[in-house]
C-alpha atoms as a PDB file:
ATOM      1  CA  UNK A   1       2.169 -15.231  -5.918  1.00  0.00           C
ATOM      2  CA  UNK A   2      -0.371 -13.284  -8.023  1.00  0.00           C
ATOM      3  CA  UNK A   3      -0.331 -13.158 -11.795  1.00  0.00           C
ATOM      4  CA  UNK A   4      -3.112 -11.768 -13.948  1.00  0.00           C
ATOM      5  CA  UNK A   5      -3.426 -11.445 -17.696  1.00  0.00           C
ATOM      6  CA  UNK A   6      -6.130  -9.211 -19.221  1.00  0.00           C
ATOM      7  CA  UNK A   7      -8.374  -9.853 -16.209  1.00  0.00           C
ATOM      8  CA  UNK A   8     -11.722  -8.182 -16.923  1.00  0.00           C
ATOM      9  CA  UNK A   9     -15.048  -7.813 -15.102  1.00  0.00           C
ATOM     10  CA  UNK A  10     -18.145  -6.402 -16.769  1.00  0.00           C
ATOM     11  CA  UNK A  11     -21.386  -5.734 -14.844  1.00  0.00           C
ATOM     12  CA  UNK A  12     -24.059  -5.231 -17.537  1.00  0.00           C
ATOM     13  CA  UNK A  13     -23.104  -1.825 -18.976  1.00  0.00           C
ATOM     14  CA  UNK A  14     -20.371  -1.086 -16.422  1.00  0.00           C
ATOM     15  CA  UNK A  15     -16.769  -2.107 -17.101  1.00  0.00           C
ATOM     16  CA  UNK A  16     -15.434  -2.433 -13.548  1.00  0.00           C
ATOM     17  CA  UNK A  17     -12.013  -3.946 -14.314  1.00  0.00           C
ATOM     18  CA  UNK A  18     -10.459  -3.465 -17.739  1.00  0.00           C
ATOM     19  CA  UNK A  19      -7.811  -5.974 -18.881  1.00  0.00           C
ATOM     20  CA  UNK A  20      -5.724  -5.980 -15.691  1.00  0.00           C
ATOM     21  CA  UNK A  21      -2.263  -7.471 -16.220  1.00  0.00           C
ATOM     22  CA  UNK A  22      -0.248  -7.561 -13.019  1.00  0.00           C
ATOM     23  CA  UNK A  23       2.369  -9.548 -11.092  1.00  0.00           C
ATOM     24  CA  UNK A  24       2.815  -9.468  -7.316  1.00  0.00           C
ATOM     25  CA  UNK A  25       5.894 -11.243  -5.987  1.00  0.00           C
ATOM     26  CA  UNK A  26       6.160 -13.423  -2.894  1.00  0.00           C
ATOM     27  CA  UNK A  27       6.973 -11.455   0.274  1.00  0.00           C
ATOM     28  CA  UNK A  28       5.919  -8.132  -1.263  1.00  0.00           C
ATOM     29  CA  UNK A  29       3.586  -5.562   0.246  1.00  0.00           C
ATOM     30  CA  UNK A  30       1.706  -4.314  -2.805  1.00  0.00           C
ATOM     31  CA  UNK A  31      -0.479  -1.220  -2.536  1.00  0.00           C
ATOM     32  CA  UNK A  32      -3.543  -1.017  -4.776  1.00  0.00           C
ATOM     33  CA  UNK A  33      -4.656   2.611  -4.918  1.00  0.00           C
ATOM     34  CA  UNK A  34      -7.574   4.245  -6.652  1.00  0.00           C
ATOM     35  CA  UNK A  35     -10.663   6.412  -6.113  1.00  0.00           C
ATOM     36  CA  UNK A  36     -14.004   5.058  -4.910  1.00  0.00           C
ATOM     37  CA  UNK A  37     -15.668   3.045  -7.647  1.00  0.00           C
ATOM     38  CA  UNK A  38     -12.381   2.380  -9.448  1.00  0.00           C
ATOM     39  CA  UNK A  39     -12.813  -1.404  -9.266  1.00  0.00           C
ATOM     40  CA  UNK A  40     -10.359  -2.206  -6.454  1.00  0.00           C
ATOM     41  CA  UNK A  41     -12.795  -4.273  -4.389  1.00  0.00           C
ATOM     42  CA  UNK A  42     -14.045  -6.049  -7.524  1.00  0.00           C
ATOM     43  CA  UNK A  43     -10.439  -6.977  -8.294  1.00  0.00           C
ATOM     44  CA  UNK A  44      -9.915  -8.375  -4.794  1.00  0.00           C
ATOM     45  CA  UNK A  45     -13.135 -10.376  -5.047  1.00  0.00           C
ATOM     46  CA  UNK A  46     -11.985 -11.928  -8.317  1.00  0.00           C
ATOM     47  CA  UNK A  47      -8.502 -12.729  -6.980  1.00  0.00           C
ATOM     48  CA  UNK A  48      -9.991 -14.420  -3.912  1.00  0.00           C
ATOM     49  CA  UNK A  49     -12.508 -16.382  -6.023  1.00  0.00           C
ATOM     50  CA  UNK A  50     -15.548 -14.721  -4.498  1.00  0.00           C
ATOM     51  CA  UNK A  51     -16.753 -13.698  -7.951  1.00  0.00           C
ATOM     52  CA  UNK A  52     -15.703 -14.882 -11.388  1.00  0.00           C
ATOM     53  CA  UNK A  53     -14.088 -12.746 -14.094  1.00  0.00           C
ATOM     54  CA  UNK A  54     -15.829 -11.977 -17.379  1.00  0.00           C
ATOM     55  CA  UNK A  55     -12.636 -12.743 -19.277  1.00  0.00           C
ATOM     56  CA  UNK A  56      -8.905 -13.002 -18.782  1.00  0.00           C
ATOM     57  CA  UNK A  57      -6.842 -15.172 -16.488  1.00  0.00           C
ATOM     58  CA  UNK A  58      -5.520 -15.027 -12.923  1.00  0.00           C
ATOM     59  CA  UNK A  59      -3.179 -17.337 -10.989  1.00  0.00           C
ATOM     60  CA  UNK A  60      -3.154 -16.969  -7.186  1.00  0.00           C
ATOM     61  CA  UNK A  61      -0.797 -19.101  -5.053  1.00  0.00           C
ATOM     62  CA  UNK A  62      -0.364 -21.388  -8.044  1.00  0.00           C
ATOM     63  CA  UNK A  63      -4.112 -21.949  -8.500  1.00  0.00           C
ATOM     64  CA  UNK A  64      -6.188 -20.654 -11.390  1.00  0.00           C
ATOM     65  CA  UNK A  65      -9.221 -18.475 -10.743  1.00  0.00           C
ATOM     66  CA  UNK A  66     -12.367 -20.122 -12.084  1.00  0.00           C
ATOM     67  CA  UNK A  67     -10.851 -23.610 -12.039  1.00  0.00           C
ATOM     68  CA  UNK A  68      -9.376 -24.099  -8.560  1.00  0.00           C
ATOM     69  CA  UNK A  69     -11.476 -21.684  -6.554  1.00  0.00           C
ATOM     70  CA  UNK A  70     -11.717 -23.803  -3.386  1.00  0.00           C
ATOM     71  CA  UNK A  71      -7.924 -24.108  -3.270  1.00  0.00           C
ATOM     72  CA  UNK A  72      -7.571 -20.338  -3.633  1.00  0.00           C
ATOM     73  CA  UNK A  73     -10.060 -19.613  -0.866  1.00  0.00           C
ATOM     74  CA  UNK A  74      -8.261 -22.047   1.450  1.00  0.00           C
ATOM     75  CA  UNK A  75      -4.857 -20.510   0.778  1.00  0.00           C
ATOM     76  CA  UNK A  76      -5.568 -16.783   1.201  1.00  0.00           C
ATOM     77  CA  UNK A  77      -6.736 -14.516   3.992  1.00  0.00           C
ATOM     78  CA  UNK A  78      -9.059 -11.615   3.301  1.00  0.00           C
ATOM     79  CA  UNK A  79     -10.249  -8.555   5.187  1.00  0.00           C
ATOM     80  CA  UNK A  80     -13.263  -7.301   3.256  1.00  0.00           C
ATOM     81  CA  UNK A  81     -14.368  -3.693   3.006  1.00  0.00           C
ATOM     82  CA  UNK A  82     -17.289  -4.338   5.390  1.00  0.00           C
ATOM     83  CA  UNK A  83     -16.309  -7.279   7.627  1.00  0.00           C
ATOM     84  CA  UNK A  84     -19.412  -9.060   8.925  1.00  0.00           C
ATOM     85  CA  UNK A  85     -19.486 -10.701  12.342  1.00  0.00           C
ATOM     86  CA  UNK A  86     -22.111 -12.585  14.344  1.00  0.00           C
ATOM     87  CA  UNK A  87     -23.010  -9.739  16.686  1.00  0.00           C
ATOM     88  CA  UNK A  88     -24.771 -11.921  19.286  1.00  0.00           C
ATOM     89  CA  UNK A  89     -21.758 -14.206  19.690  1.00  0.00           C
ATOM     90  CA  UNK A  90     -18.556 -13.541  21.586  1.00  0.00           C
ATOM     91  CA  UNK A  91     -15.381 -12.518  19.792  1.00  0.00           C
ATOM     92  CA  UNK A  92     -13.850 -15.879  20.646  1.00  0.00           C
ATOM     93  CA  UNK A  93     -16.857 -17.862  19.417  1.00  0.00           C
ATOM     94  CA  UNK A  94     -16.839 -15.884  16.169  1.00  0.00           C
ATOM     95  CA  UNK A  95     -13.254 -16.908  15.567  1.00  0.00           C
ATOM     96  CA  UNK A  96     -13.928 -20.512  16.587  1.00  0.00           C
ATOM     97  CA  UNK A  97     -16.523 -20.755  13.817  1.00  0.00           C
ATOM     98  CA  UNK A  98     -14.085 -19.545  11.170  1.00  0.00           C
ATOM     99  CA  UNK A  99     -11.249 -21.657  12.573  1.00  0.00           C
ATOM    100  CA  UNK A 100     -13.519 -24.675  12.133  1.00  0.00           C
ATOM    101  CA  UNK A 101     -14.328 -23.706   8.534  1.00  0.00           C
ATOM    102  CA  UNK A 102     -10.619 -23.363   7.759  1.00  0.00           C
ATOM    103  CA  UNK A 103      -9.827 -26.605   9.625  1.00  0.00           C
ATOM    104  CA  UNK A 104      -7.251 -24.871  11.832  1.00  0.00           C
ATOM    105  CA  UNK A 105      -5.271 -27.501  13.754  1.00  0.00           C
ATOM    106  CA  UNK A 106      -4.881 -25.531  17.001  1.00  0.00           C
ATOM    107  CA  UNK A 107      -7.895 -23.187  17.050  1.00  0.00           C
ATOM    108  CA  UNK A 108      -7.593 -22.129  20.707  1.00  0.00           C
ATOM    109  CA  UNK A 109      -3.902 -21.334  20.369  1.00  0.00           C
ATOM    110  CA  UNK A 110      -4.383 -19.425  17.118  1.00  0.00           C
ATOM    111  CA  UNK A 111      -7.305 -17.430  18.475  1.00  0.00           C
ATOM    112  CA  UNK A 112      -5.393 -16.428  21.592  1.00  0.00           C
ATOM    113  CA  UNK A 113      -2.303 -15.561  19.557  1.00  0.00           C
ATOM    114  CA  UNK A 114      -4.047 -13.077  17.296  1.00  0.00           C
ATOM    115  CA  UNK A 115      -6.452 -11.616  19.848  1.00  0.00           C
ATOM    116  CA  UNK A 116      -3.456 -10.818  22.046  1.00  0.00           C
ATOM    117  CA  UNK A 117      -1.458  -9.363  19.154  1.00  0.00           C
ATOM    118  CA  UNK A 118      -4.369  -7.087  18.242  1.00  0.00           C
ATOM    119  CA  UNK A 119      -5.197  -6.050  21.805  1.00  0.00           C
ATOM    120  CA  UNK A 120      -8.556  -7.847  22.052  1.00  0.00           C
ATOM    121  CA  UNK A 121      -7.776 -10.752  24.388  1.00  0.00           C
ATOM    122  CA  UNK A 122      -9.381  -9.104  27.425  1.00  0.00           C
ATOM    123  CA  UNK A 123     -12.612  -8.650  25.444  1.00  0.00           C
ATOM    124  CA  UNK A 124     -12.705 -12.187  24.033  1.00  0.00           C
ATOM    125  CA  UNK A 125     -15.889 -13.144  25.922  1.00  0.00           C
ATOM    126  CA  UNK A 126     -17.799  -9.981  24.986  1.00  0.00           C
ATOM    127  CA  UNK A 127     -20.380 -10.062  22.205  1.00  0.00           C
ATOM    128  CA  UNK A 128     -19.003  -8.765  18.920  1.00  0.00           C
ATOM    129  CA  UNK A 129     -22.019  -6.468  18.659  1.00  0.00           C
ATOM    130  CA  UNK A 130     -20.739  -4.480  21.653  1.00  0.00           C
ATOM    131  CA  UNK A 131     -17.459  -3.713  19.887  1.00  0.00           C
ATOM    132  CA  UNK A 132     -16.690  -0.374  18.287  1.00  0.00           C
ATOM    133  CA  UNK A 133     -16.200  -0.296  14.521  1.00  0.00           C
ATOM    134  CA  UNK A 134     -12.454  -0.187  14.996  1.00  0.00           C
ATOM    135  CA  UNK A 135     -12.477  -3.195  17.327  1.00  0.00           C
ATOM    136  CA  UNK A 136     -14.582  -5.141  14.827  1.00  0.00           C
ATOM    137  CA  UNK A 137     -11.989  -4.249  12.197  1.00  0.00           C
ATOM    138  CA  UNK A 138      -9.219  -5.721  14.337  1.00  0.00           C
ATOM    139  CA  UNK A 139     -11.337  -8.807  15.035  1.00  0.00           C
ATOM    140  CA  UNK A 140     -11.788  -9.262  11.289  1.00  0.00           C
ATOM    141  CA  UNK A 141      -8.007  -9.012  10.787  1.00  0.00           C
ATOM    142  CA  UNK A 142      -7.550 -11.763  13.365  1.00  0.00           C
ATOM    143  CA  UNK A 143     -10.130 -13.860  11.512  1.00  0.00           C
ATOM    144  CA  UNK A 144      -8.237 -13.458   8.237  1.00  0.00           C
ATOM    145  CA  UNK A 145      -5.028 -14.826   9.778  1.00  0.00           C
ATOM    146  CA  UNK A 146      -6.232 -17.833  11.786  1.00  0.00           C
ATOM    147  CA  UNK A 147      -5.189 -20.358   9.121  1.00  0.00           C
ATOM    148  CA  UNK A 148      -1.784 -18.671   8.609  1.00  0.00           C
ATOM    149  CA  UNK A 149      -2.173 -17.751   4.923  1.00  0.00           C
ATOM    150  CA  UNK A 150       0.957 -16.794   3.011  1.00  0.00           C
ATOM    151  CA  UNK A 151      -1.072 -14.292   0.956  1.00  0.00           C
ATOM    152  CA  UNK A 152      -3.279 -11.729   2.658  1.00  0.00           C
ATOM    153  CA  UNK A 153      -5.747  -9.301   1.057  1.00  0.00           C
ATOM    154  CA  UNK A 154      -6.479  -6.241   3.195  1.00  0.00           C
ATOM    155  CA  UNK A 155      -9.193  -3.828   2.050  1.00  0.00           C
ATOM    156  CA  UNK A 156      -8.845  -0.564   4.032  1.00  0.00           C
ATOM    157  CA  UNK A 157      -7.409  -2.243   7.167  1.00  0.00           C
ATOM    158  CA  UNK A 158      -7.089   0.989   9.184  1.00  0.00           C
ATOM    159  CA  UNK A 159     -10.494   2.420   8.259  1.00  0.00           C
ATOM    160  CA  UNK A 160     -12.399   3.655  11.330  1.00  0.00           C
ATOM    161  CA  UNK A 161      -9.424   3.089  13.642  1.00  0.00           C
ATOM    162  CA  UNK A 162      -8.179   5.799  15.981  1.00  0.00           C
ATOM    163  CA  UNK A 163      -4.503   6.828  15.573  1.00  0.00           C
ATOM    164  CA  UNK A 164      -3.321   4.352  18.210  1.00  0.00           C
ATOM    165  CA  UNK A 165      -5.266   1.485  16.644  1.00  0.00           C
ATOM    166  CA  UNK A 166      -4.111   2.425  13.129  1.00  0.00           C
ATOM    167  CA  UNK A 167      -0.498   2.425  14.272  1.00  0.00           C
ATOM    168  CA  UNK A 168      -0.960  -1.000  15.877  1.00  0.00           C
ATOM    169  CA  UNK A 169      -2.295  -2.378  12.588  1.00  0.00           C
ATOM    170  CA  UNK A 170       0.530  -0.780  10.571  1.00  0.00           C
ATOM    171  CA  UNK A 171       3.099  -2.274  12.952  1.00  0.00           C
ATOM    172  CA  UNK A 172       1.273  -5.578  12.592  1.00  0.00           C
ATOM    173  CA  UNK A 173       1.558  -5.403   8.794  1.00  0.00           C
ATOM    174  CA  UNK A 174       5.287  -4.677   9.145  1.00  0.00           C
ATOM    175  CA  UNK A 175       5.630  -7.772  11.327  1.00  0.00           C
ATOM    176  CA  UNK A 176       3.797  -9.877   8.737  1.00  0.00           C
ATOM    177  CA  UNK A 177       6.168  -8.554   6.068  1.00  0.00           C
ATOM    178  CA  UNK A 178       9.155  -9.656   8.182  1.00  0.00           C
ATOM    179  CA  UNK A 179       7.615 -13.132   8.330  1.00  0.00           C
ATOM    180  CA  UNK A 180       7.740 -13.220   4.520  1.00  0.00           C
ATOM    181  CA  UNK A 181       4.003 -12.943   3.910  1.00  0.00           C
ATOM    182  CA  UNK A 182       2.652 -11.355   0.769  1.00  0.00           C
ATOM    183  CA  UNK A 183       0.136  -8.552   1.339  1.00  0.00           C
ATOM    184  CA  UNK A 184      -2.206  -7.020  -1.215  1.00  0.00           C
ATOM    185  CA  UNK A 185      -3.252  -3.742   0.396  1.00  0.00           C
ATOM    186  CA  UNK A 186      -6.150  -1.597  -0.797  1.00  0.00           C
ATOM    187  CA  UNK A 187      -6.097   1.770   0.944  1.00  0.00           C
ATOM    188  CA  UNK A 188      -7.042   5.426   0.588  1.00  0.00           C
ATOM    189  CA  UNK A 189      -4.388   6.354   3.155  1.00  0.00           C
ATOM    190  CA  UNK A 190      -1.550   7.445   0.883  1.00  0.00           C
ATOM    191  CA  UNK A 191       0.895   8.121   3.712  1.00  0.00           C
ATOM    192  CA  UNK A 192       0.234   4.583   4.924  1.00  0.00           C
ATOM    193  CA  UNK A 193       0.871   3.175   1.441  1.00  0.00           C
ATOM    194  CA  UNK A 194       4.071   5.201   1.144  1.00  0.00           C
ATOM    195  CA  UNK A 195       5.414   3.802   4.414  1.00  0.00           C
ATOM    196  CA  UNK A 196       4.303   0.193   4.036  1.00  0.00           C
ATOM    197  CA  UNK A 197       4.387  -0.735   0.359  1.00  0.00           C
ATOM    198  CA  UNK A 198       7.291  -2.035  -1.697  1.00  0.00           C
ATOM    199  CA  UNK A 199       5.385  -1.153  -4.858  1.00  0.00           C
ATOM    200  CA  UNK A 200       2.064   0.488  -5.612  1.00  0.00           C
ATOM    201  CA  UNK A 201      -0.346   0.237  -8.497  1.00  0.00           C
ATOM    202  CA  UNK A 202      -2.602   3.190  -9.271  1.00  0.00           C
ATOM    203  CA  UNK A 203      -5.869   1.873 -10.654  1.00  0.00           C
ATOM    204  CA  UNK A 204      -8.952   3.398 -12.220  1.00  0.00           C
ATOM    205  CA  UNK A 205     -10.787   0.557 -13.987  1.00  0.00           C
ATOM    206  CA  UNK A 206      -7.454  -0.090 -15.678  1.00  0.00           C
ATOM    207  CA  UNK A 207      -3.942  -0.108 -14.268  1.00  0.00           C
ATOM    208  CA  UNK A 208      -2.337   3.304 -14.765  1.00  0.00           C
ATOM    209  CA  UNK A 209       1.138   2.656 -13.376  1.00  0.00           C
ATOM    210  CA  UNK A 210       3.077   0.239 -11.131  1.00  0.00           C
ATOM    211  CA  UNK A 211       6.343   1.080  -9.382  1.00  0.00           C
ATOM    212  CA  UNK A 212       7.992   1.808  -6.056  1.00  0.00           C
ATOM    213  CA  UNK A 213       6.686   5.043  -4.471  1.00  0.00           C
ATOM    214  CA  UNK A 214      10.114   6.723  -4.521  1.00  0.00           C
ATOM    215  CA  UNK A 215      10.652   5.969  -8.207  1.00  0.00           C
ATOM    216  CA  UNK A 216       7.206   7.271  -9.096  1.00  0.00           C
ATOM    217  CA  UNK A 217       7.958  10.565  -7.353  1.00  0.00           C
ATOM    218  CA  UNK A 218      11.272  10.822  -9.141  1.00  0.00           C
ATOM    219  CA  UNK A 219       9.846   9.978 -12.583  1.00  0.00           C
ATOM    220  CA  UNK A 220       6.968  12.443 -12.360  1.00  0.00           C
ATOM    221  CA  UNK A 221       8.598  15.344 -10.558  1.00  0.00           C
ATOM    222  CA  UNK A 222      12.340  14.708 -10.388  1.00  0.00           C
ATOM    223  CA  UNK A 223      14.212  15.091  -7.087  1.00  0.00           C
ATOM    224  CA  UNK A 224      14.578  18.599  -5.739  1.00  0.00           C
ATOM    225  CA  UNK A 225      17.506  19.478  -3.455  1.00  0.00           C
ATOM    226  CA  UNK A 226      17.405  22.643  -1.328  1.00  0.00           C
ATOM    227  CA  UNK A 227      20.694  24.395  -0.578  1.00  0.00           C
ATOM    228  CA  UNK A 228      20.180  26.749   2.371  1.00  0.00           C
ATOM    229  CA  UNK A 229      22.525  29.728   2.003  1.00  0.00           C
ATOM    230  CA  UNK A 230      23.883  32.249   4.504  1.00  0.00           C
ATOM    231  CA  UNK A 231      23.065  34.914   1.925  1.00  0.00           C
ATOM    232  CA  UNK A 232      22.073  34.798  -1.750  1.00  0.00           C
ATOM    233  CA  UNK A 233      24.955  35.326  -4.146  1.00  0.00           C
ATOM    234  CA  UNK A 234      24.505  36.446  -7.763  1.00  0.00           C
ATOM    235  CA  UNK A 235      24.937  33.794 -10.405  1.00  0.00           C
ATOM    236  CA  UNK A 236      24.499  30.716  -8.191  1.00  0.00           C
ATOM    237  CA  UNK A 237      21.473  29.459 -10.098  1.00  0.00           C
ATOM    238  CA  UNK A 238      23.381  29.829 -13.380  1.00  0.00           C
ATOM    239  CA  UNK A 239      26.376  27.986 -11.880  1.00  0.00           C
ATOM    240  CA  UNK A 240      24.196  25.041 -10.920  1.00  0.00           C
ATOM    241  CA  UNK A 241      22.223  25.100 -14.175  1.00  0.00           C
ATOM    242  CA  UNK A 242      25.465  24.828 -16.158  1.00  0.00           C
ATOM    243  CA  UNK A 243      26.125  21.352 -14.733  1.00  0.00           C
ATOM    244  CA  UNK A 244      25.020  18.702 -17.263  1.00  0.00           C
ATOM    245  CA  UNK A 245      22.981  16.601 -14.794  1.00  0.00           C
ATOM    246  CA  UNK A 246      20.940  19.525 -13.392  1.00  0.00           C
ATOM    247  CA  UNK A 247      17.419  19.797 -14.819  1.00  0.00           C
ATOM    248  CA  UNK A 248      16.484  23.113 -13.205  1.00  0.00           C
ATOM    249  CA  UNK A 249      17.973  25.562 -10.705  1.00  0.00           C
ATOM    250  CA  UNK A 250      16.367  28.647  -9.211  1.00  0.00           C
ATOM    251  CA  UNK A 251      17.079  30.963  -6.307  1.00  0.00           C
ATOM    252  CA  UNK A 252      14.239  31.686  -3.851  1.00  0.00           C
ATOM    253  CA  UNK A 253      15.265  34.081  -1.074  1.00  0.00           C
ATOM    254  CA  UNK A 254      18.167  32.350   0.718  1.00  0.00           C
ATOM    255  CA  UNK A 255      17.485  28.955  -0.838  1.00  0.00           C
ATOM    256  CA  UNK A 256      18.755  27.465  -4.066  1.00  0.00           C
ATOM    257  CA  UNK A 257      16.366  24.811  -5.414  1.00  0.00           C
ATOM    258  CA  UNK A 258      18.013  22.317  -7.755  1.00  0.00           C
ATOM    259  CA  UNK A 259      16.126  19.558  -9.612  1.00  0.00           C
ATOM    260  CA  UNK A 260      18.078  16.474 -10.702  1.00  0.00           C
ATOM    261  CA  UNK A 261      17.661  12.713 -10.965  1.00  0.00           C
ATOM    262  CA  UNK A 262      20.321  11.427  -8.543  1.00  0.00           C
ATOM    263  CA  UNK A 263      21.236  13.795  -5.678  1.00  0.00           C
ATOM    264  CA  UNK A 264      23.180  11.060  -3.855  1.00  0.00           C
ATOM    265  CA  UNK A 265      25.601  10.860  -6.785  1.00  0.00           C
ATOM    266  CA  UNK A 266      25.780  14.507  -7.841  1.00  0.00           C
ATOM    267  CA  UNK A 267      25.374  16.607  -4.662  1.00  0.00           C
ATOM    268  CA  UNK A 268      29.131  16.682  -3.903  1.00  0.00           C
ATOM    269  CA  UNK A 269      29.891  18.079  -7.354  1.00  0.00           C
ATOM    270  CA  UNK A 270      27.162  20.718  -7.025  1.00  0.00           C
ATOM    271  CA  UNK A 271      28.477  21.760  -3.624  1.00  0.00           C
ATOM    272  CA  UNK A 272      32.029  22.124  -4.975  1.00  0.00           C
ATOM    273  CA  UNK A 273      30.770  24.254  -7.850  1.00  0.00           C
ATOM    274  CA  UNK A 274      28.635  26.479  -5.591  1.00  0.00           C
ATOM    275  CA  UNK A 275      31.391  26.989  -3.021  1.00  0.00           C
ATOM    276  CA  UNK A 276      33.759  27.840  -5.871  1.00  0.00           C
ATOM    277  CA  UNK A 277      31.249  30.482  -6.992  1.00  0.00           C
ATOM    278  CA  UNK A 278      31.207  32.068  -3.530  1.00  0.00           C
ATOM    279  CA  UNK A 279      28.225  30.330  -1.910  1.00  0.00           C
ATOM    280  CA  UNK A 280      28.150  29.995   1.884  1.00  0.00           C
ATOM    281  CA  UNK A 281      26.085  26.797   2.348  1.00  0.00           C
ATOM    282  CA  UNK A 282      24.542  26.332   5.784  1.00  0.00           C
ATOM    283  CA  UNK A 283      22.950  22.931   5.166  1.00  0.00           C
ATOM    284  CA  UNK A 284      21.421  20.796   2.419  1.00  0.00           C
ATOM    285  CA  UNK A 285      18.017  19.097   2.371  1.00  0.00           C
ATOM    286  CA  UNK A 286      15.653  17.466  -0.073  1.00  0.00           C
ATOM    287  CA  UNK A 287      12.179  18.721  -0.930  1.00  0.00           C
ATOM    288  CA  UNK A 288      10.094  15.572  -1.249  1.00  0.00           C
ATOM    289  CA  UNK A 289       6.896  15.327  -3.228  1.00  0.00           C
ATOM    290  CA  UNK A 290       4.270  13.291  -1.442  1.00  0.00           C
ATOM    291  CA  UNK A 291       2.674  10.129  -2.789  1.00  0.00           C
ATOM    292  CA  UNK A 292      -0.547  12.138  -2.759  1.00  0.00           C
ATOM    293  CA  UNK A 293       0.932  14.457  -5.418  1.00  0.00           C
ATOM    294  CA  UNK A 294       1.805  11.436  -7.570  1.00  0.00           C
ATOM    295  CA  UNK A 295      -1.600   9.822  -7.084  1.00  0.00           C
ATOM    296  CA  UNK A 296      -3.601  12.964  -7.870  1.00  0.00           C
ATOM    297  CA  UNK A 297      -1.613  13.704 -11.008  1.00  0.00           C
ATOM    298  CA  UNK A 298      -2.025  10.149 -12.339  1.00  0.00           C
ATOM    299  CA  UNK A 299      -5.744   9.930 -11.573  1.00  0.00           C
ATOM    300  CA  UNK A 300      -6.400  13.391 -13.008  1.00  0.00           C
ATOM    301  CA  UNK A 301      -4.558  12.465 -16.196  1.00  0.00           C
ATOM    302  CA  UNK A 302      -6.624   9.288 -16.473  1.00  0.00           C
END
């Protein structure tokens, strides 16, 4: 769906995107994370043929950036960082203009479909300039989907939305995923990325890492299991530490914290060993590192 090789963008003395090599598969929700000024929006603009790369190559939906730009623009949907609308025109008329540009076969049906899905149908005749920032954001999402693109670029889709509106958009993205669409999601909302994305790429001018959120947490921090005890018993940490698959074990009050790679496989053996050593285990849980921890560590290291 997306394939880049050493994709680079230089603005005079500023290297915005440095030799990006990346593959995004069909039907995947791919999160593109990075601090402000990292080059995320520049990357999206190159992949949607809004600007050309300085060097390197990119294939989007089977079309090559710089050679088949019109085909790329026809085949993708994009929500830009600052979606512009004709403020003096109604929401419906705004969408009619873009439906005409995309040569949508059933513009009225498509407009109604997406305005209803995004909760804007009752305001369809109101001028876009009277909409709140969040409502304009939802209107822009509807605009990006009118021509039913299989690949959708979303740049901060829940920015400026209240919690109810943000949840509606997240549910909407989940529905698009079920339809088999590919979504390239730029976001600062790390909890959102954790919940929605199959894989994430952490980016700061260059690509730092790409993987599933759960695997990134495991690789950087390991998985930490918490055994809640009725009372601490001497030697439990040493009992756990003696097992070959345990990376670290320490007792904190009435909790034994054990770090290992695969709790699903090894927890039963740990429990047998602890019970044999006299432990009274009340329940077992897992202490999860957040995607924010992963992101901050990677960006700080970069």
